[in-house]
Amino acid sequence: MTDWLDLYPRTTRDAAEQIARSRAMTSKENTTEAFFSTHPDTASTDGYGEAVVHVRIPADWVEAGWARLDDEFELDDGTWEEHYAIQVARLAPEHFVD
């Protein structure tokens, strides 16, 4: 049975609409990776755009090296937020959740 990571990059509304249509994404900041949070809306992600995209990837991508844990920290409510860098070329249409 596959374990999954639900991840959320923030972006502009226009970019989110384009991602939803194409079910693909690129990163303007990093050539091969994009950054994602395990939480769709926290204080640490607010400054990265007004729209959120939902992506679901197999958790074993971390072990395979296609995703890497970039940062993790405890939130005010006692839960943990993790930020992952994902190789965007690995994202397929089925990884994008409506």
PDB file of N, CA and C in Angstrom:
ATOM      1  N   MET A   1       0.837  -1.184   0.000  1.00  0.00           N
ATOM      2  CA  MET A   1       0.000   0.000   0.000  1.00  0.00           C
ATOM      3  C   MET A   1       0.882   1.248   0.000  1.00  0.00           C
ATOM      4  N   THR A   2       0.563   2.185  -0.840  1.00  0.00           N
ATOM      5  CA  THR A   2       1.354   3.404  -0.971  1.00  0.00           C
ATOM      6  C   THR A   2       0.936   4.429   0.076  1.00  0.00           C
ATOM      7  N   ASP A   3       1.926   5.013   0.742  1.00  0.00           N
ATOM      8  CA  ASP A   3       1.680   6.171   1.598  1.00  0.00           C
ATOM      9  C   ASP A   3       1.842   7.417   0.733  1.00  0.00           C
ATOM     10  N   TRP A   4       1.048   8.423   1.019  1.00  0.00           N
ATOM     11  CA  TRP A   4       1.026   9.630   0.197  1.00  0.00           C
ATOM     12  C   TRP A   4       1.363  10.857   1.024  1.00  0.00           C
ATOM     13  N   LEU A   5       1.933  11.843   0.360  1.00  0.00           N
ATOM     14  CA  LEU A   5       2.148  13.166   0.938  1.00  0.00           C
ATOM     15  C   LEU A   5       1.225  14.141   0.214  1.00  0.00           C
ATOM     16  N   ASP A   6       0.379  14.813   0.963  1.00  0.00           N
ATOM     17  CA  ASP A   6      -0.442  15.886   0.412  1.00  0.00           C
ATOM     18  C   ASP A   6       0.314  17.186   0.626  1.00  0.00           C
ATOM     19  N   LEU A   7       0.605  17.864  -0.468  1.00  0.00           N
ATOM     20  CA  LEU A   7       1.452  19.055  -0.424  1.00  0.00           C
ATOM     21  C   LEU A   7       0.765  20.215  -1.139  1.00  0.00           C
ATOM     22  N   TYR A   8       1.156  21.420  -0.738  1.00  0.00           N
ATOM     23  CA  TYR A   8       0.465  22.622  -1.207  1.00  0.00           C
ATOM     24  C   TYR A   8       1.465  23.727  -1.542  1.00  0.00           C
ATOM     25  N   PRO A   9       1.685  23.995  -2.833  1.00  0.00           N
ATOM     26  CA  PRO A   9       2.446  25.190  -3.182  1.00  0.00           C
ATOM     27  C   PRO A   9       1.492  26.378  -3.285  1.00  0.00           C
ATOM     28  N   ARG A  10       1.956  27.537  -2.918  1.00  0.00           N
ATOM     29  CA  ARG A  10       1.168  28.767  -3.089  1.00  0.00           C
ATOM     30  C   ARG A  10       1.694  29.490  -4.320  1.00  0.00           C
ATOM     31  N   THR A  11       0.796  30.189  -4.991  1.00  0.00           N
ATOM     32  CA  THR A  11       1.157  30.876  -6.219  1.00  0.00           C
ATOM     33  C   THR A  11       0.130  31.979  -6.493  1.00  0.00           C
ATOM     34  N   THR A  12       0.228  32.602  -7.632  1.00  0.00           N
ATOM     35  CA  THR A  12      -0.765  33.606  -8.020  1.00  0.00           C
ATOM     36  C   THR A  12      -2.043  32.905  -8.492  1.00  0.00           C
ATOM     37  N   ARG A  13      -3.136  33.650  -8.530  1.00  0.00           N
ATOM     38  CA  ARG A  13      -4.401  33.073  -9.023  1.00  0.00           C
ATOM     39  C   ARG A  13      -4.264  32.635 -10.482  1.00  0.00           C
ATOM     40  N   ASP A  14      -3.620  33.467 -11.296  1.00  0.00           N
ATOM     41  CA  ASP A  14      -3.443  33.122 -12.711  1.00  0.00           C
ATOM     42  C   ASP A  14      -2.629  31.843 -12.867  1.00  0.00           C
ATOM     43  N   ALA A  15      -1.545  31.734 -12.114  1.00  0.00           N
ATOM     44  CA  ALA A  15      -0.712  30.532 -12.204  1.00  0.00           C
ATOM     45  C   ALA A  15      -1.476  29.304 -11.722  1.00  0.00           C
ATOM     46  N   ALA A  16      -2.259  29.440 -10.657  1.00  0.00           N
ATOM     47  CA  ALA A  16      -3.042  28.308 -10.148  1.00  0.00           C
ATOM     48  C   ALA A  16      -4.058  27.840 -11.188  1.00  0.00           C
ATOM     49  N   GLU A  17      -4.687  28.787 -11.878  1.00  0.00           N
ATOM     50  CA  GLU A  17      -5.636  28.425 -12.935  1.00  0.00           C
ATOM     51  C   GLU A  17      -4.928  27.699 -14.071  1.00  0.00           C
ATOM     52  N   GLN A  18      -3.743  28.164 -14.451  1.00  0.00           N
ATOM     53  CA  GLN A  18      -2.966  27.514 -15.506  1.00  0.00           C
ATOM     54  C   GLN A  18      -2.547  26.109 -15.076  1.00  0.00           C
ATOM     55  N   ILE A  19      -2.116  25.956 -13.839  1.00  0.00           N
ATOM     56  CA  ILE A  19      -1.730  24.637 -13.322  1.00  0.00           C
ATOM     57  C   ILE A  19      -2.935  23.702 -13.336  1.00  0.00           C
ATOM     58  N   ALA A  20      -4.097  24.190 -12.931  1.00  0.00           N
ATOM     59  CA  ALA A  20      -5.310  23.367 -12.923  1.00  0.00           C
ATOM     60  C   ALA A  20      -5.682  22.919 -14.339  1.00  0.00           C
ATOM     61  N   ARG A  21      -5.522  23.804 -15.321  1.00  0.00           N
ATOM     62  CA  ARG A  21      -5.837  23.454 -16.711  1.00  0.00           C
ATOM     63  C   ARG A  21      -4.836  22.463 -17.283  1.00  0.00           C
ATOM     64  N   SER A  22      -3.555  22.727 -17.071  1.00  0.00           N
ATOM     65  CA  SER A  22      -2.511  21.915 -17.703  1.00  0.00           C
ATOM     66  C   SER A  22      -2.110  20.696 -16.885  1.00  0.00           C
ATOM     67  N   ARG A  23      -2.441  20.711 -15.571  1.00  0.00           N
ATOM     68  CA  ARG A  23      -2.038  19.652 -14.647  1.00  0.00           C
ATOM     69  C   ARG A  23      -0.522  19.435 -14.721  1.00  0.00           C
ATOM     70  N   ALA A  24       0.183  20.560 -14.778  1.00  0.00           N
ATOM     71  CA  ALA A  24       1.649  20.580 -14.807  1.00  0.00           C
ATOM     72  C   ALA A  24       2.097  21.912 -14.234  1.00  0.00           C
ATOM     73  N   MET A  25       3.345  21.956 -13.785  1.00  0.00           N
ATOM     74  CA  MET A  25       3.857  23.221 -13.269  1.00  0.00           C
ATOM     75  C   MET A  25       5.357  23.314 -13.484  1.00  0.00           C
ATOM     76  N   THR A  26       5.828  24.550 -13.489  1.00  0.00           N
ATOM     77  CA  THR A  26       7.259  24.830 -13.546  1.00  0.00           C
ATOM     78  C   THR A  26       7.574  25.780 -12.399  1.00  0.00           C
ATOM     79  N   SER A  27       8.831  26.002 -12.182  1.00  0.00           N
ATOM     80  CA  SER A  27       9.245  26.936 -11.144  1.00  0.00           C
ATOM     81  C   SER A  27      10.069  28.032 -11.785  1.00  0.00           C
ATOM     82  N   LYS A  28       9.676  29.272 -11.566  1.00  0.00           N
ATOM     83  CA  LYS A  28      10.445  30.397 -12.097  1.00  0.00           C
ATOM     84  C   LYS A  28      11.671  30.684 -11.243  1.00  0.00           C
ATOM     85  N   GLU A  29      11.599  30.292  -9.974  1.00  0.00           N
ATOM     86  CA  GLU A  29      12.689  30.591  -9.045  1.00  0.00           C
ATOM     87  C   GLU A  29      13.800  29.547  -9.097  1.00  0.00           C
ATOM     88  N   ASN A  30      13.423  28.289  -9.179  1.00  0.00           N
ATOM     89  CA  ASN A  30      14.392  27.192  -9.199  1.00  0.00           C
ATOM     90  C   ASN A  30      14.183  26.423 -10.493  1.00  0.00           C
ATOM     91  N   THR A  31      15.236  26.027 -11.130  1.00  0.00           N
ATOM     92  CA  THR A  31      15.095  25.419 -12.447  1.00  0.00           C
ATOM     93  C   THR A  31      14.513  24.013 -12.404  1.00  0.00           C
ATOM     94  N   THR A  32      14.763  23.248 -11.359  1.00  0.00           N
ATOM     95  CA  THR A  32      14.293  21.862 -11.338  1.00  0.00           C
ATOM     96  C   THR A  32      13.361  21.539 -10.183  1.00  0.00           C
ATOM     97  N   GLU A  33      13.260  22.416  -9.200  1.00  0.00           N
ATOM     98  CA  GLU A  33      12.458  22.129  -8.016  1.00  0.00           C
ATOM     99  C   GLU A  33      11.434  23.234  -7.761  1.00  0.00           C
ATOM    100  N   ALA A  34      10.359  22.844  -7.093  1.00  0.00           N
ATOM    101  CA  ALA A  34       9.399  23.804  -6.549  1.00  0.00           C
ATOM    102  C   ALA A  34       9.193  23.437  -5.088  1.00  0.00           C
ATOM    103  N   PHE A  35       8.789  24.403  -4.291  1.00  0.00           N
ATOM    104  CA  PHE A  35       8.643  24.187  -2.855  1.00  0.00           C
ATOM    105  C   PHE A  35       7.177  24.073  -2.469  1.00  0.00           C
ATOM    106  N   PHE A  36       6.908  23.143  -1.569  1.00  0.00           N
ATOM    107  CA  PHE A  36       5.556  22.787  -1.151  1.00  0.00           C
ATOM    108  C   PHE A  36       5.505  22.691   0.365  1.00  0.00           C
ATOM    109  N   SER A  37       4.340  22.980   0.932  1.00  0.00           N
ATOM    110  CA  SER A  37       4.112  22.845   2.371  1.00  0.00           C
ATOM    111  C   SER A  37       3.134  21.706   2.626  1.00  0.00           C
ATOM    112  N   THR A  38       3.204  21.135   3.814  1.00  0.00           N
ATOM    113  CA  THR A  38       2.223  20.124   4.205  1.00  0.00           C
ATOM    114  C   THR A  38       0.929  20.764   4.693  1.00  0.00           C
ATOM    115  N   HIS A  39       0.895  22.074   4.806  1.00  0.00           N
ATOM    116  CA  HIS A  39      -0.304  22.805   5.229  1.00  0.00           C
ATOM    117  C   HIS A  39      -0.662  23.828   4.155  1.00  0.00           C
ATOM    118  N   PRO A  40      -1.936  23.913   3.776  1.00  0.00           N
ATOM    119  CA  PRO A  40      -2.306  24.841   2.709  1.00  0.00           C
ATOM    120  C   PRO A  40      -2.278  26.312   3.100  1.00  0.00           C
ATOM    121  N   ASP A  41      -2.405  26.600   4.390  1.00  0.00           N
ATOM    122  CA  ASP A  41      -2.522  28.005   4.774  1.00  0.00           C
ATOM    123  C   ASP A  41      -1.987  28.220   6.187  1.00  0.00           C
ATOM    124  N   THR A  42      -0.763  28.692   6.274  1.00  0.00           N
ATOM    125  CA  THR A  42      -0.169  29.041   7.566  1.00  0.00           C
ATOM    126  C   THR A  42       0.562  30.369   7.422  1.00  0.00           C
ATOM    127  N   ALA A  43       0.972  30.925   8.524  1.00  0.00           N
ATOM    128  CA  ALA A  43       1.694  32.201   8.502  1.00  0.00           C
ATOM    129  C   ALA A  43       2.977  32.092   7.686  1.00  0.00           C
ATOM    130  N   SER A  44       3.598  30.925   7.677  1.00  0.00           N
ATOM    131  CA  SER A  44       4.865  30.775   6.953  1.00  0.00           C
ATOM    132  C   SER A  44       4.671  30.693   5.447  1.00  0.00           C
ATOM    133  N   THR A  45       3.454  30.404   4.983  1.00  0.00           N
ATOM    134  CA  THR A  45       3.222  30.292   3.544  1.00  0.00           C
ATOM    135  C   THR A  45       2.464  31.474   2.960  1.00  0.00           C
ATOM    136  N   ASP A  46       1.909  32.327   3.797  1.00  0.00           N
ATOM    137  CA  ASP A  46       1.059  33.428   3.330  1.00  0.00           C
ATOM    138  C   ASP A  46       1.720  34.330   2.292  1.00  0.00           C
ATOM    139  N   GLY A  47       2.987  34.589   2.403  1.00  0.00           N
ATOM    140  CA  GLY A  47       3.656  35.525   1.514  1.00  0.00           C
ATOM    141  C   GLY A  47       4.010  34.981   0.149  1.00  0.00           C
ATOM    142  N   TYR A  48       3.631  33.741  -0.137  1.00  0.00           N
ATOM    143  CA  TYR A  48       4.044  33.117  -1.392  1.00  0.00           C
ATOM    144  C   TYR A  48       2.955  33.086  -2.452  1.00  0.00           C
ATOM    145  N   GLY A  49       1.880  33.806  -2.254  1.00  0.00           N
ATOM    146  CA  GLY A  49       0.827  33.872  -3.254  1.00  0.00           C
ATOM    147  C   GLY A  49      -0.537  33.674  -2.634  1.00  0.00           C
ATOM    148  N   GLU A  50      -1.554  34.195  -3.325  1.00  0.00           N
ATOM    149  CA  GLU A  50      -2.901  34.157  -2.779  1.00  0.00           C
ATOM    150  C   GLU A  50      -3.665  32.881  -3.123  1.00  0.00           C
ATOM    151  N   ALA A  51      -3.131  32.048  -3.998  1.00  0.00           N
ATOM    152  CA  ALA A  51      -3.811  30.813  -4.406  1.00  0.00           C
ATOM    153  C   ALA A  51      -2.991  29.595  -3.990  1.00  0.00           C
ATOM    154  N   VAL A  52      -3.705  28.497  -3.771  1.00  0.00           N
ATOM    155  CA  VAL A  52      -3.072  27.253  -3.328  1.00  0.00           C
ATOM    156  C   VAL A  52      -3.409  26.151  -4.325  1.00  0.00           C
ATOM    157  N   VAL A  53      -2.428  25.320  -4.629  1.00  0.00           N
ATOM    158  CA  VAL A  53      -2.609  24.148  -5.477  1.00  0.00           C
ATOM    159  C   VAL A  53      -2.407  22.923  -4.588  1.00  0.00           C
ATOM    160  N   HIS A  54      -3.174  21.865  -4.826  1.00  0.00           N
ATOM    161  CA  HIS A  54      -3.051  20.632  -4.038  1.00  0.00           C
ATOM    162  C   HIS A  54      -2.384  19.568  -4.904  1.00  0.00           C
ATOM    163  N   VAL A  55      -1.289  19.016  -4.400  1.00  0.00           N
ATOM    164  CA  VAL A  55      -0.544  17.965  -5.087  1.00  0.00           C
ATOM    165  C   VAL A  55      -0.415  16.785  -4.130  1.00  0.00           C
ATOM    166  N   ARG A  56      -0.564  15.572  -4.661  1.00  0.00           N
ATOM    167  CA  ARG A  56      -0.396  14.359  -3.849  1.00  0.00           C
ATOM    168  C   ARG A  56       0.662  13.486  -4.526  1.00  0.00           C
ATOM    169  N   ILE A  57       1.739  13.212  -3.778  1.00  0.00           N
ATOM    170  CA  ILE A  57       2.828  12.395  -4.323  1.00  0.00           C
ATOM    171  C   ILE A  57       3.063  11.182  -3.427  1.00  0.00           C
ATOM    172  N   PRO A  58       3.639  10.114  -3.980  1.00  0.00           N
ATOM    173  CA  PRO A  58       4.005   8.976  -3.139  1.00  0.00           C
ATOM    174  C   PRO A  58       5.076   9.395  -2.128  1.00  0.00           C
ATOM    175  N   ALA A  59       4.919   8.972  -0.891  1.00  0.00           N
ATOM    176  CA  ALA A  59       5.881   9.319   0.159  1.00  0.00           C
ATOM    177  C   ALA A  59       7.271   8.762  -0.137  1.00  0.00           C
ATOM    178  N   ASP A  60       7.350   7.684  -0.906  1.00  0.00           N
ATOM    179  CA  ASP A  60       8.666   7.102  -1.190  1.00  0.00           C
ATOM    180  C   ASP A  60       9.499   7.943  -2.155  1.00  0.00           C
ATOM    181  N   TRP A  61       8.939   9.036  -2.671  1.00  0.00           N
ATOM    182  CA  TRP A  61       9.745   9.953  -3.474  1.00  0.00           C
ATOM    183  C   TRP A  61      10.888  10.544  -2.649  1.00  0.00           C
ATOM    184  N   VAL A  62      10.676  10.690  -1.355  1.00  0.00           N
ATOM    185  CA  VAL A  62      11.727  11.242  -0.490  1.00  0.00           C
ATOM    186  C   VAL A  62      12.923  10.299  -0.492  1.00  0.00           C
ATOM    187  N   GLU A  63      12.673   9.015  -0.272  1.00  0.00           N
ATOM    188  CA  GLU A  63      13.756   8.026  -0.271  1.00  0.00           C
ATOM    189  C   GLU A  63      14.418   7.920  -1.639  1.00  0.00           C
ATOM    190  N   ALA A  64      13.624   8.072  -2.702  1.00  0.00           N
ATOM    191  CA  ALA A  64      14.153   7.984  -4.062  1.00  0.00           C
ATOM    192  C   ALA A  64      14.960   9.219  -4.457  1.00  0.00           C
ATOM    193  N   GLY A  65      14.839  10.306  -3.685  1.00  0.00           N
ATOM    194  CA  GLY A  65      15.577  11.525  -3.997  1.00  0.00           C
ATOM    195  C   GLY A  65      14.837  12.485  -4.906  1.00  0.00           C
ATOM    196  N   TRP A  66      13.576  12.204  -5.213  1.00  0.00           N
ATOM    197  CA  TRP A  66      12.791  13.080  -6.088  1.00  0.00           C
ATOM    198  C   TRP A  66      12.104  14.185  -5.301  1.00  0.00           C
ATOM    199  N   ALA A  67      12.104  14.040  -3.986  1.00  0.00           N
ATOM    200  CA  ALA A  67      11.570  15.055  -3.073  1.00  0.00           C
ATOM    201  C   ALA A  67      12.511  15.096  -1.879  1.00  0.00           C
ATOM    202  N   ARG A  68      12.686  16.285  -1.334  1.00  0.00           N
ATOM    203  CA  ARG A  68      13.543  16.367  -0.145  1.00  0.00           C
ATOM    204  C   ARG A  68      12.906  17.290   0.877  1.00  0.00           C
ATOM    205  N   LEU A  69      13.037  16.880   2.129  1.00  0.00           N
ATOM    206  CA  LEU A  69      12.555  17.710   3.219  1.00  0.00           C
ATOM    207  C   LEU A  69      13.479  18.908   3.330  1.00  0.00           C
ATOM    208  N   ASP A  70      12.925  20.095   3.185  1.00  0.00           N
ATOM    209  CA  ASP A  70      13.717  21.317   3.215  1.00  0.00           C
ATOM    210  C   ASP A  70      13.697  21.974   4.592  1.00  0.00           C
ATOM    211  N   ASP A  71      12.558  21.866   5.286  1.00  0.00           N
ATOM    212  CA  ASP A  71      12.422  22.531   6.583  1.00  0.00           C
ATOM    213  C   ASP A  71      11.238  21.923   7.319  1.00  0.00           C
ATOM    214  N   GLU A  72      11.277  21.948   8.637  1.00  0.00           N
ATOM    215  CA  GLU A  72      10.124  21.538   9.436  1.00  0.00           C
ATOM    216  C   GLU A  72      10.135  22.310  10.741  1.00  0.00           C
ATOM    217  N   PHE A  73       8.943  22.629  11.218  1.00  0.00           N
ATOM    218  CA  PHE A  73       8.846  23.406  12.444  1.00  0.00           C
ATOM    219  C   PHE A  73       7.472  23.224  13.061  1.00  0.00           C
ATOM    220  N   GLU A  74       7.411  23.457  14.362  1.00  0.00           N
ATOM    221  CA  GLU A  74       6.161  23.299  15.106  1.00  0.00           C
ATOM    222  C   GLU A  74       5.311  24.561  14.977  1.00  0.00           C
ATOM    223  N   LEU A  75       4.029  24.356  14.750  1.00  0.00           N
ATOM    224  CA  LEU A  75       3.082  25.462  14.657  1.00  0.00           C
ATOM    225  C   LEU A  75       2.521  25.787  16.040  1.00  0.00           C
ATOM    226  N   ASP A  76       1.850  26.914  16.142  1.00  0.00           N
ATOM    227  CA  ASP A  76       1.288  27.356  17.424  1.00  0.00           C
ATOM    228  C   ASP A  76       0.322  26.352  18.036  1.00  0.00           C
ATOM    229  N   ASP A  77      -0.345  25.550  17.192  1.00  0.00           N
ATOM    230  CA  ASP A  77      -1.322  24.587  17.711  1.00  0.00           C
ATOM    231  C   ASP A  77      -0.693  23.249  18.098  1.00  0.00           C
ATOM    232  N   GLY A  78       0.639  23.155  18.022  1.00  0.00           N
ATOM    233  CA  GLY A  78       1.336  21.935  18.410  1.00  0.00           C
ATOM    234  C   GLY A  78       1.537  20.936  17.285  1.00  0.00           C
ATOM    235  N   THR A  79       0.953  21.192  16.106  1.00  0.00           N
ATOM    236  CA  THR A  79       1.189  20.313  14.963  1.00  0.00           C
ATOM    237  C   THR A  79       2.474  20.748  14.262  1.00  0.00           C
ATOM    238  N   TRP A  80       2.914  19.950  13.318  1.00  0.00           N
ATOM    239  CA  TRP A  80       4.157  20.241  12.605  1.00  0.00           C
ATOM    240  C   TRP A  80       3.873  20.559  11.150  1.00  0.00           C
ATOM    241  N   GLU A  81       4.610  21.515  10.629  1.00  0.00           N
ATOM    242  CA  GLU A  81       4.574  21.846   9.207  1.00  0.00           C
ATOM    243  C   GLU A  81       5.913  21.459   8.616  1.00  0.00           C
ATOM    244  N   GLU A  82       5.857  20.844   7.445  1.00  0.00           N
ATOM    245  CA  GLU A  82       7.079  20.485   6.724  1.00  0.00           C
ATOM    246  C   GLU A  82       7.042  21.148   5.355  1.00  0.00           C
ATOM    247  N   HIS A  83       8.201  21.543   4.889  1.00  0.00           N
ATOM    248  CA  HIS A  83       8.347  22.096   3.543  1.00  0.00           C
ATOM    249  C   HIS A  83       9.219  21.136   2.742  1.00  0.00           C
ATOM    250  N   TYR A  84       8.750  20.793   1.563  1.00  0.00           N
ATOM    251  CA  TYR A  84       9.459  19.874   0.682  1.00  0.00           C
ATOM    252  C   TYR A  84       9.828  20.569  -0.615  1.00  0.00           C
ATOM    253  N   ALA A  85      10.977  20.225  -1.156  1.00  0.00           N
ATOM    254  CA  ALA A  85      11.371  20.614  -2.505  1.00  0.00           C
ATOM    255  C   ALA A  85      11.125  19.392  -3.387  1.00  0.00           C
ATOM    256  N   ILE A  86      10.368  19.577  -4.448  1.00  0.00           N
ATOM    257  CA  ILE A  86       9.968  18.482  -5.327  1.00  0.00           C
ATOM    258  C   ILE A  86      10.541  18.726  -6.714  1.00  0.00           C
ATOM    259  N   GLN A  87      11.061  17.679  -7.335  1.00  0.00           N
ATOM    260  CA  GLN A  87      11.505  17.773  -8.724  1.00  0.00           C
ATOM    261  C   GLN A  87      10.258  17.881  -9.603  1.00  0.00           C
ATOM    262  N   VAL A  88      10.031  19.048 -10.174  1.00  0.00           N
ATOM    263  CA  VAL A  88       8.788  19.286 -10.907  1.00  0.00           C
ATOM    264  C   VAL A  88       8.658  18.403 -12.147  1.00  0.00           C
ATOM    265  N   ALA A  89       9.754  17.967 -12.727  1.00  0.00           N
ATOM    266  CA  ALA A  89       9.677  17.093 -13.901  1.00  0.00           C
ATOM    267  C   ALA A  89       9.041  15.747 -13.558  1.00  0.00           C
ATOM    268  N   ARG A  90       9.057  15.367 -12.294  1.00  0.00           N
ATOM    269  CA  ARG A  90       8.450  14.102 -11.845  1.00  0.00           C
ATOM    270  C   ARG A  90       6.942  14.200 -11.674  1.00  0.00           C
ATOM    271  N   LEU A  91       6.416  15.402 -11.586  1.00  0.00           N
ATOM    272  CA  LEU A  91       4.979  15.564 -11.376  1.00  0.00           C
ATOM    273  C   LEU A  91       4.215  15.220 -12.652  1.00  0.00           C
ATOM    274  N   ALA A  92       3.274  14.304 -12.527  1.00  0.00           N
ATOM    275  CA  ALA A  92       2.422  13.894 -13.642  1.00  0.00           C
ATOM    276  C   ALA A  92       1.007  14.427 -13.392  1.00  0.00           C
ATOM    277  N   PRO A  93       0.165  14.462 -14.416  1.00  0.00           N
ATOM    278  CA  PRO A  93      -1.193  14.978 -14.229  1.00  0.00           C
ATOM    279  C   PRO A  93      -1.946  14.344 -13.056  1.00  0.00           C
ATOM    280  N   GLU A  94      -1.730  13.066 -12.815  1.00  0.00           N
ATOM    281  CA  GLU A  94      -2.456  12.397 -11.730  1.00  0.00           C
ATOM    282  C   GLU A  94      -2.024  12.857 -10.338  1.00  0.00           C
ATOM    283  N   HIS A  95      -0.929  13.586 -10.227  1.00  0.00           N
ATOM    284  CA  HIS A  95      -0.483  14.102  -8.927  1.00  0.00           C
ATOM    285  C   HIS A  95      -1.237  15.368  -8.510  1.00  0.00           C
ATOM    286  N   PHE A  96      -1.933  15.991  -9.438  1.00  0.00           N
ATOM    287  CA  PHE A  96      -2.661  17.226  -9.146  1.00  0.00           C
ATOM    288  C   PHE A  96      -4.080  16.882  -8.714  1.00  0.00           C
ATOM    289  N   VAL A  97      -4.454  17.355  -7.535  1.00  0.00           N
ATOM    290  CA  VAL A  97      -5.752  17.041  -6.942  1.00  0.00           C
ATOM    291  C   VAL A  97      -6.696  18.212  -7.196  1.00  0.00           C
ATOM    292  N   ASP A  98      -7.905  17.901  -7.620  1.00  0.00           N
ATOM    293  CA  ASP A  98      -8.899  18.960  -7.867  1.00  0.00           C
ATOM    294  C   ASP A  98      -9.390  19.567  -6.579  1.00  0.00           C
TER     295      ASP A  98
END
